[in-house]
Amino acid sequence: MKSIYDIQQFLKKFGTIIYVGDRVATLELMEFELKELYESQLIETKDFQTAIMLIRHEIRMEKKQN
């Protein structure tokens, strides 16, 4: 995974589509969903860590712009 789009496509494999209308809220919900999948042992550690890192970076960038 190299982008937020990649994470969205990854989550789609689990039947999860998240869009709230607020970019930061959408990212935070994506992070929550990834944590749930990881804790349920449905995704690999590497995928989880990469996705969380990308999401948190994107949240920081969004908050910096606002």
Protein backbone atom coordinates (compact mmCIF):
# COMPACT_ATOMS: atom_id res chain seq x y z
CA MET A 1 0.00 0.00 0.00
CA LYS A 2 1.32 3.35 -1.02
CA SER A 3 -1.69 5.66 -0.83
CA ILE A 4 -5.01 6.27 0.86
CA TYR A 5 -6.67 4.98 -2.30
CA ASP A 6 -4.80 1.69 -1.87
CA ILE A 7 -6.10 1.43 1.69
CA GLN A 8 -9.65 2.08 0.48
CA GLN A 9 -9.30 -0.72 -2.07
CA PHE A 10 -7.85 -2.99 0.62
CA LEU A 11 -10.81 -2.29 2.93
CA LYS A 12 -13.23 -2.98 0.08
CA LYS A 13 -11.99 -6.57 0.07
CA PHE A 14 -13.59 -6.87 3.51
CA GLY A 15 -16.82 -5.18 2.42
CA THR A 16 -15.93 -1.87 4.03
CA ILE A 17 -16.51 1.43 2.27
CA ILE A 18 -16.04 4.54 4.38
CA TYR A 19 -16.95 8.07 3.33
CA VAL A 20 -18.22 10.65 5.77
CA GLY A 21 -17.75 13.89 3.84
CA ASP A 22 -15.09 15.13 6.24
CA ARG A 23 -11.61 13.99 5.20
CA VAL A 24 -10.18 13.67 8.73
CA ALA A 25 -13.25 11.86 10.05
CA THR A 26 -13.10 9.46 7.10
CA LEU A 27 -9.44 8.73 7.78
CA GLU A 28 -10.10 8.20 11.49
CA LEU A 29 -12.88 5.72 10.72
CA MET A 30 -10.57 3.90 8.30
CA GLU A 31 -7.99 3.65 11.08
CA PHE A 32 -10.61 2.27 13.47
CA GLU A 33 -11.73 -0.32 10.92
CA LEU A 34 -8.14 -1.42 10.30
CA LYS A 35 -7.61 -1.86 14.04
CA GLU A 36 -10.72 -4.03 14.24
CA LEU A 37 -9.55 -6.19 11.34
CA TYR A 38 -6.09 -6.52 12.87
CA GLU A 39 -7.39 -7.41 16.32
CA SER A 40 -9.62 -10.03 14.69
CA GLN A 41 -6.48 -11.42 13.01
CA LEU A 42 -7.94 -10.90 9.54
CA ILE A 43 -5.01 -8.83 8.22
CA GLU A 44 -1.25 -9.20 8.43
CA THR A 45 0.84 -7.09 10.77
CA LYS A 46 2.79 -5.52 7.90
CA ASP A 47 -0.40 -4.45 6.10
CA PHE A 48 -1.79 -3.02 9.33
CA GLN A 49 1.35 -1.07 10.18
CA THR A 50 1.76 0.33 6.67
CA ALA A 51 -1.87 1.43 6.44
CA ILE A 52 -1.88 3.04 9.89
CA MET A 53 1.34 4.92 9.11
CA LEU A 54 -0.14 6.27 5.85
CA ILE A 55 -3.41 7.27 7.49
CA ARG A 56 -1.76 9.04 10.41
CA HIS A 57 0.55 10.92 8.03
CA GLU A 58 -2.44 12.00 5.96
CA ILE A 59 -4.34 13.13 9.08
CA ARG A 60 -1.34 15.25 10.15
CA MET A 61 -1.16 16.82 6.69
CA GLU A 62 -4.89 17.58 6.67
CA LYS A 63 -4.79 19.16 10.12
CA LYS A 64 -1.72 21.19 9.17
CA GLN A 65 -3.57 22.67 6.17
CA ASN A 66 -6.56 23.70 8.26
